[in-house]
């Protein structure tokens, strides 16, 4: 072996020795029998951030209508819709672009408890009333919907609560986040004077859409 090769091999061996020495310095600590050693454990826990929600709640689940304002031709039964509250805890960034929300309502026919002929939901009307619409002016109540026995107060609104009718809405969801809005409505059932006596039941369904 010539002198140049011998020098290169010695240099490589020296480098290897240095490398082995470095590994030895990083080896795990050892304890003699009966001794102990500690390991420090750390963790960073971030605060949970839950996304906001758009939700609806209703202050009650029943309404009893009572007779008031009847005439010789029409019997009228009135009551109030329990307060409906729409709460939006989202941030504006969580709202889809150009989103709008609305609460709609529709009723089933009134079914008699003793086999009476049903009373169509077209005989049930309402007049929404905004209780708290916030400060933006962007949350508004729906128009009055009168019954099939009434002359329309708005074009074509004498249909009763047969289809989904507007209770409250906004056209700009993003602008009204972080607040709660409440509304109720005057309810009235108007029937012919010769309606059969007895108990009747209907279901008024309220739905929140966005």
C-alpha atoms as a PDB file:
ATOM      1  CA  UNK A   1       0.000   0.000   0.000  1.00  0.00           C
ATOM      2  CA  UNK A   2       1.502   3.336  -1.013  1.00  0.00           C
ATOM      3  CA  UNK A   3       1.897   6.221   1.353  1.00  0.00           C
ATOM      4  CA  UNK A   4      -1.022   8.234  -0.184  1.00  0.00           C
ATOM      5  CA  UNK A   5      -3.527   5.426   0.298  1.00  0.00           C
ATOM      6  CA  UNK A   6      -2.319   4.784   3.833  1.00  0.00           C
ATOM      7  CA  UNK A   7      -2.849   8.458   4.679  1.00  0.00           C
ATOM      8  CA  UNK A   8      -6.387   8.422   3.218  1.00  0.00           C
ATOM      9  CA  UNK A   9      -7.315   5.330   5.207  1.00  0.00           C
ATOM     10  CA  UNK A  10      -5.973   6.843   8.405  1.00  0.00           C
ATOM     11  CA  UNK A  11      -7.926  10.014   7.739  1.00  0.00           C
ATOM     12  CA  UNK A  12     -11.121   8.010   7.180  1.00  0.00           C
ATOM     13  CA  UNK A  13     -10.508   6.064  10.361  1.00  0.00           C
ATOM     14  CA  UNK A  14     -10.048   9.301  12.283  1.00  0.00           C
ATOM     15  CA  UNK A  15     -13.293  10.684  10.887  1.00  0.00           C
ATOM     16  CA  UNK A  16     -15.054   7.479  11.864  1.00  0.00           C
ATOM     17  CA  UNK A  17     -13.719   7.742  15.345  1.00  0.00           C
ATOM     18  CA  UNK A  18     -15.026  11.262  15.630  1.00  0.00           C
ATOM     19  CA  UNK A  19     -18.463  10.135  14.379  1.00  0.00           C
ATOM     20  CA  UNK A  20     -18.613   7.266  16.860  1.00  0.00           C
ATOM     21  CA  UNK A  21     -17.605   9.596  19.606  1.00  0.00           C
ATOM     22  CA  UNK A  22     -20.475  11.981  18.687  1.00  0.00           C
ATOM     23  CA  UNK A  23     -23.030   9.168  18.808  1.00  0.00           C
ATOM     24  CA  UNK A  24     -21.765   8.071  22.188  1.00  0.00           C
ATOM     25  CA  UNK A  25     -22.410  11.560  23.594  1.00  0.00           C
ATOM     26  CA  UNK A  26     -26.124  11.345  22.519  1.00  0.00           C
ATOM     27  CA  UNK A  27     -26.770   7.909  23.996  1.00  0.00           C
ATOM     28  CA  UNK A  28     -29.641   7.587  26.545  1.00  0.00           C
ATOM     29  CA  UNK A  29     -28.838   8.215  30.171  1.00  0.00           C
ATOM     30  CA  UNK A  30     -28.530   5.109  32.275  1.00  0.00           C
ATOM     31  CA  UNK A  31     -29.229   4.531  35.934  1.00  0.00           C
ATOM     32  CA  UNK A  32     -27.590   2.027  38.195  1.00  0.00           C
ATOM     33  CA  UNK A  33     -29.900  -0.455  39.973  1.00  0.00           C
ATOM     34  CA  UNK A  34     -31.728   1.393  42.742  1.00  0.00           C
ATOM     35  CA  UNK A  35     -31.238   4.805  41.102  1.00  0.00           C
ATOM     36  CA  UNK A  36     -33.961   6.758  39.293  1.00  0.00           C
ATOM     37  CA  UNK A  37     -34.114   9.247  36.441  1.00  0.00           C
ATOM     38  CA  UNK A  38     -36.814  11.691  35.332  1.00  0.00           C
ATOM     39  CA  UNK A  39     -38.289  12.516  31.937  1.00  0.00           C
ATOM     40  CA  UNK A  40     -39.944  15.895  31.542  1.00  0.00           C
ATOM     41  CA  UNK A  41     -43.154  15.721  29.490  1.00  0.00           C
ATOM     42  CA  UNK A  42     -44.694  18.924  28.020  1.00  0.00           C
ATOM     43  CA  UNK A  43     -47.707  19.635  25.820  1.00  0.00           C
ATOM     44  CA  UNK A  44     -49.319  22.775  24.407  1.00  0.00           C
ATOM     45  CA  UNK A  45     -53.142  22.577  24.438  1.00  0.00           C
ATOM     46  CA  UNK A  46     -54.954  25.159  22.361  1.00  0.00           C
ATOM     47  CA  UNK A  47     -58.353  26.517  23.325  1.00  0.00           C
ATOM     48  CA  UNK A  48     -61.227  24.808  21.510  1.00  0.00           C
ATOM     49  CA  UNK A  49     -62.903  27.175  19.084  1.00  0.00           C
ATOM     50  CA  UNK A  50     -66.336  25.938  18.088  1.00  0.00           C
ATOM     51  CA  UNK A  51     -68.015  27.378  15.005  1.00  0.00           C
ATOM     52  CA  UNK A  52     -71.097  29.520  15.505  1.00  0.00           C
ATOM     53  CA  UNK A  53     -74.572  28.316  14.584  1.00  0.00           C
ATOM     54  CA  UNK A  54     -77.826  29.691  13.230  1.00  0.00           C
ATOM     55  CA  UNK A  55     -80.701  28.306  15.313  1.00  0.00           C
ATOM     56  CA  UNK A  56     -84.373  28.835  16.101  1.00  0.00           C
ATOM     57  CA  UNK A  57     -86.240  28.346  19.378  1.00  0.00           C
ATOM     58  CA  UNK A  58     -89.925  28.685  20.279  1.00  0.00           C
ATOM     59  CA  UNK A  59     -91.195  29.759  23.695  1.00  0.00           C
ATOM     60  CA  UNK A  60     -94.022  27.194  23.709  1.00  0.00           C
ATOM     61  CA  UNK A  61     -95.421  24.222  21.821  1.00  0.00           C
ATOM     62  CA  UNK A  62     -99.160  24.913  21.906  1.00  0.00           C
ATOM     63  CA  UNK A  63    -101.724  27.663  21.410  1.00  0.00           C
ATOM     64  CA  UNK A  64    -105.361  27.597  22.505  1.00  0.00           C
ATOM     65  CA  UNK A  65    -107.579  29.803  20.377  1.00  0.00           C
ATOM     66  CA  UNK A  66    -110.623  31.389  22.014  1.00  0.00           C
ATOM     67  CA  UNK A  67    -113.666  32.972  20.430  1.00  0.00           C
ATOM     68  CA  UNK A  68    -113.533  36.738  20.079  1.00  0.00           C
ATOM     69  CA  UNK A  69    -114.912  39.066  17.420  1.00  0.00           C
ATOM     70  CA  UNK A  70    -117.492  36.723  15.863  1.00  0.00           C
ATOM     71  CA  UNK A  71    -120.313  38.081  13.699  1.00  0.00           C
ATOM     72  CA  UNK A  72    -123.608  36.644  12.492  1.00  0.00           C
ATOM     73  CA  UNK A  73    -121.844  35.280   9.423  1.00  0.00           C
ATOM     74  CA  UNK A  74    -118.330  34.458  10.627  1.00  0.00           C
ATOM     75  CA  UNK A  75    -117.058  32.971  13.858  1.00  0.00           C
ATOM     76  CA  UNK A  76    -113.582  34.091  14.884  1.00  0.00           C
ATOM     77  CA  UNK A  77    -111.137  32.435  17.291  1.00  0.00           C
ATOM     78  CA  UNK A  78    -107.916  34.232  18.225  1.00  0.00           C
ATOM     79  CA  UNK A  79    -104.612  33.590  19.990  1.00  0.00           C
ATOM     80  CA  UNK A  80    -100.915  34.461  19.901  1.00  0.00           C
ATOM     81  CA  UNK A  81     -98.040  32.489  18.467  1.00  0.00           C
ATOM     82  CA  UNK A  82     -95.398  31.790  21.158  1.00  0.00           C
ATOM     83  CA  UNK A  83     -92.344  33.987  20.731  1.00  0.00           C
ATOM     84  CA  UNK A  84     -89.955  32.683  18.088  1.00  0.00           C
ATOM     85  CA  UNK A  85     -86.268  33.560  18.512  1.00  0.00           C
ATOM     86  CA  UNK A  86     -83.610  33.242  15.827  1.00  0.00           C
ATOM     87  CA  UNK A  87     -80.078  33.265  17.242  1.00  0.00           C
ATOM     88  CA  UNK A  88     -76.983  33.585  15.072  1.00  0.00           C
ATOM     89  CA  UNK A  89     -73.700  33.043  16.945  1.00  0.00           C
ATOM     90  CA  UNK A  90     -71.587  32.871  13.804  1.00  0.00           C
ATOM     91  CA  UNK A  91     -68.943  35.377  12.779  1.00  0.00           C
ATOM     92  CA  UNK A  92     -69.365  37.137   9.427  1.00  0.00           C
ATOM     93  CA  UNK A  93     -66.524  34.990   8.059  1.00  0.00           C
ATOM     94  CA  UNK A  94     -68.504  31.813   8.782  1.00  0.00           C
ATOM     95  CA  UNK A  95     -71.512  32.914   6.702  1.00  0.00           C
ATOM     96  CA  UNK A  96     -71.700  31.904   3.032  1.00  0.00           C
ATOM     97  CA  UNK A  97     -71.565  34.774   0.581  1.00  0.00           C
ATOM     98  CA  UNK A  98     -74.937  36.305  -0.318  1.00  0.00           C
ATOM     99  CA  UNK A  99     -76.739  34.158   2.277  1.00  0.00           C
ATOM    100  CA  UNK A 100     -80.190  35.075   3.606  1.00  0.00           C
ATOM    101  CA  UNK A 101     -82.360  33.346   6.236  1.00  0.00           C
ATOM    102  CA  UNK A 102     -86.090  33.123   6.809  1.00  0.00           C
ATOM    103  CA  UNK A 103     -88.607  31.448   9.116  1.00  0.00           C
ATOM    104  CA  UNK A 104     -91.622  30.064   7.259  1.00  0.00           C
ATOM    105  CA  UNK A 105     -94.834  28.608   8.629  1.00  0.00           C
ATOM    106  CA  UNK A 106     -97.624  26.374   7.386  1.00  0.00           C
ATOM    107  CA  UNK A 107    -100.533  24.618   9.099  1.00  0.00           C
ATOM    108  CA  UNK A 108    -102.438  21.396   8.634  1.00  0.00           C
ATOM    109  CA  UNK A 109    -106.228  21.246   8.452  1.00  0.00           C
ATOM    110  CA  UNK A 110    -108.089  21.391  11.774  1.00  0.00           C
ATOM    111  CA  UNK A 111    -109.290  17.859  12.520  1.00  0.00           C
ATOM    112  CA  UNK A 112    -112.347  17.356  14.719  1.00  0.00           C
ATOM    113  CA  UNK A 113    -112.010  15.172  17.771  1.00  0.00           C
ATOM    114  CA  UNK A 114    -115.521  13.724  17.352  1.00  0.00           C
ATOM    115  CA  UNK A 115    -115.464  13.098  13.640  1.00  0.00           C
ATOM    116  CA  UNK A 116    -116.553  16.583  12.552  1.00  0.00           C
ATOM    117  CA  UNK A 117    -115.684  17.667   9.045  1.00  0.00           C
ATOM    118  CA  UNK A 118    -112.194  19.168   9.024  1.00  0.00           C
ATOM    119  CA  UNK A 119    -111.645  22.909   8.796  1.00  0.00           C
ATOM    120  CA  UNK A 120    -109.179  23.815   6.078  1.00  0.00           C
ATOM    121  CA  UNK A 121    -105.914  25.510   7.056  1.00  0.00           C
ATOM    122  CA  UNK A 122    -107.012  28.220   4.663  1.00  0.00           C
ATOM    123  CA  UNK A 123    -109.269  29.459   7.497  1.00  0.00           C
ATOM    124  CA  UNK A 124    -106.223  30.194   9.713  1.00  0.00           C
ATOM    125  CA  UNK A 125    -104.461  33.517   9.252  1.00  0.00           C
ATOM    126  CA  UNK A 126    -101.683  35.383  11.028  1.00  0.00           C
ATOM    127  CA  UNK A 127    -100.202  38.833  11.420  1.00  0.00           C
ATOM    128  CA  UNK A 128     -96.476  38.624  12.305  1.00  0.00           C
ATOM    129  CA  UNK A 129     -95.080  41.155  14.781  1.00  0.00           C
ATOM    130  CA  UNK A 130     -91.358  41.844  15.177  1.00  0.00           C
ATOM    131  CA  UNK A 131     -90.442  42.072  18.870  1.00  0.00           C
ATOM    132  CA  UNK A 132     -86.668  42.579  18.585  1.00  0.00           C
ATOM    133  CA  UNK A 133     -85.120  43.100  15.182  1.00  0.00           C
ATOM    134  CA  UNK A 134     -81.745  44.399  16.375  1.00  0.00           C
ATOM    135  CA  UNK A 135     -80.206  47.711  15.337  1.00  0.00           C
ATOM    136  CA  UNK A 136     -79.422  47.059  11.682  1.00  0.00           C
ATOM    137  CA  UNK A 137     -82.963  47.302  10.331  1.00  0.00           C
ATOM    138  CA  UNK A 138     -82.199  44.256   8.183  1.00  0.00           C
ATOM    139  CA  UNK A 139     -84.480  41.810  10.029  1.00  0.00           C
ATOM    140  CA  UNK A 140     -88.168  42.237   9.222  1.00  0.00           C
ATOM    141  CA  UNK A 141     -91.446  40.430   9.890  1.00  0.00           C
ATOM    142  CA  UNK A 142     -93.533  38.904   7.129  1.00  0.00           C
ATOM    143  CA  UNK A 143     -96.731  40.384   5.741  1.00  0.00           C
ATOM    144  CA  UNK A 144    -100.138  39.502   7.150  1.00  0.00           C
ATOM    145  CA  UNK A 145    -101.794  36.459   5.626  1.00  0.00           C
ATOM    146  CA  UNK A 146    -105.601  36.558   5.882  1.00  0.00           C
ATOM    147  CA  UNK A 147    -108.075  33.701   5.516  1.00  0.00           C
ATOM    148  CA  UNK A 148    -110.105  32.423   2.595  1.00  0.00           C
ATOM    149  CA  UNK A 149    -113.145  34.151   4.101  1.00  0.00           C
ATOM    150  CA  UNK A 150    -111.457  37.581   3.898  1.00  0.00           C
ATOM    151  CA  UNK A 151    -110.902  40.089   1.157  1.00  0.00           C
ATOM    152  CA  UNK A 152    -107.158  40.277   0.414  1.00  0.00           C
ATOM    153  CA  UNK A 153    -105.243  43.013   2.230  1.00  0.00           C
ATOM    154  CA  UNK A 154    -102.287  42.432  -0.101  1.00  0.00           C
ATOM    155  CA  UNK A 155    -102.556  40.978  -3.607  1.00  0.00           C
ATOM    156  CA  UNK A 156    -103.385  37.283  -3.273  1.00  0.00           C
ATOM    157  CA  UNK A 157    -102.808  37.025   0.472  1.00  0.00           C
ATOM    158  CA  UNK A 158    -106.262  35.614   1.370  1.00  0.00           C
ATOM    159  CA  UNK A 159    -105.052  32.010   1.283  1.00  0.00           C
ATOM    160  CA  UNK A 160    -104.489  31.210   4.966  1.00  0.00           C
ATOM    161  CA  UNK A 161    -101.504  29.258   6.220  1.00  0.00           C
ATOM    162  CA  UNK A 162    -101.821  26.458   3.705  1.00  0.00           C
ATOM    163  CA  UNK A 163     -98.374  26.902   2.185  1.00  0.00           C
ATOM    164  CA  UNK A 164     -95.105  28.153   3.656  1.00  0.00           C
ATOM    165  CA  UNK A 165     -95.717  31.769   4.651  1.00  0.00           C
ATOM    166  CA  UNK A 166     -93.066  34.210   5.828  1.00  0.00           C
ATOM    167  CA  UNK A 167     -92.827  34.947   9.559  1.00  0.00           C
ATOM    168  CA  UNK A 168     -89.475  36.766   9.763  1.00  0.00           C
ATOM    169  CA  UNK A 169     -86.390  37.104   7.554  1.00  0.00           C
ATOM    170  CA  UNK A 170     -83.250  38.952   6.562  1.00  0.00           C
ATOM    171  CA  UNK A 171     -81.765  39.314   3.102  1.00  0.00           C
ATOM    172  CA  UNK A 172     -78.210  39.670   4.467  1.00  0.00           C
ATOM    173  CA  UNK A 173     -77.192  36.944   6.937  1.00  0.00           C
ATOM    174  CA  UNK A 174     -73.616  38.193   7.176  1.00  0.00           C
ATOM    175  CA  UNK A 175     -74.693  41.649   8.382  1.00  0.00           C
ATOM    176  CA  UNK A 176     -76.833  40.349  11.283  1.00  0.00           C
ATOM    177  CA  UNK A 177     -74.567  37.720  12.850  1.00  0.00           C
ATOM    178  CA  UNK A 178     -73.765  37.666  16.548  1.00  0.00           C
ATOM    179  CA  UNK A 179     -77.252  38.583  17.766  1.00  0.00           C
ATOM    180  CA  UNK A 180     -80.719  37.194  18.501  1.00  0.00           C
ATOM    181  CA  UNK A 181     -84.031  38.279  16.962  1.00  0.00           C
ATOM    182  CA  UNK A 182     -87.555  37.585  18.181  1.00  0.00           C
ATOM    183  CA  UNK A 183     -91.010  37.677  16.633  1.00  0.00           C
ATOM    184  CA  UNK A 184     -94.524  36.479  17.378  1.00  0.00           C
ATOM    185  CA  UNK A 185     -97.824  36.704  15.525  1.00  0.00           C
ATOM    186  CA  UNK A 186    -101.526  37.227  16.056  1.00  0.00           C
ATOM    187  CA  UNK A 187    -103.361  34.056  15.011  1.00  0.00           C
ATOM    188  CA  UNK A 188    -106.998  33.956  13.985  1.00  0.00           C
ATOM    189  CA  UNK A 189    -109.279  31.178  12.801  1.00  0.00           C
ATOM    190  CA  UNK A 190    -112.341  32.327  10.858  1.00  0.00           C
ATOM    191  CA  UNK A 191    -115.104  29.871  10.012  1.00  0.00           C
ATOM    192  CA  UNK A 192    -118.661  30.010   8.720  1.00  0.00           C
ATOM    193  CA  UNK A 193    -121.219  30.606  11.460  1.00  0.00           C
ATOM    194  CA  UNK A 194    -122.638  27.110  11.021  1.00  0.00           C
ATOM    195  CA  UNK A 195    -119.353  25.317  11.759  1.00  0.00           C
ATOM    196  CA  UNK A 196    -119.893  22.110  13.755  1.00  0.00           C
ATOM    197  CA  UNK A 197    -119.230  22.417  17.471  1.00  0.00           C
ATOM    198  CA  UNK A 198    -116.434  20.430  19.122  1.00  0.00           C
ATOM    199  CA  UNK A 199    -112.686  20.321  19.632  1.00  0.00           C
ATOM    200  CA  UNK A 200    -110.346  20.678  16.663  1.00  0.00           C
ATOM    201  CA  UNK A 201    -106.589  20.343  16.357  1.00  0.00           C
ATOM    202  CA  UNK A 202    -104.098  21.605  13.800  1.00  0.00           C
ATOM    203  CA  UNK A 203    -100.311  21.552  13.638  1.00  0.00           C
ATOM    204  CA  UNK A 204     -98.477  24.743  12.752  1.00  0.00           C
ATOM    205  CA  UNK A 205     -94.966  23.951  11.541  1.00  0.00           C
ATOM    206  CA  UNK A 206     -92.243  26.612  11.645  1.00  0.00           C
ATOM    207  CA  UNK A 207     -89.041  26.077   9.681  1.00  0.00           C
ATOM    208  CA  UNK A 208     -85.780  28.046   9.550  1.00  0.00           C
ATOM    209  CA  UNK A 209     -84.057  28.139   6.171  1.00  0.00           C
ATOM    210  CA  UNK A 210     -80.868  29.718   4.882  1.00  0.00           C
END
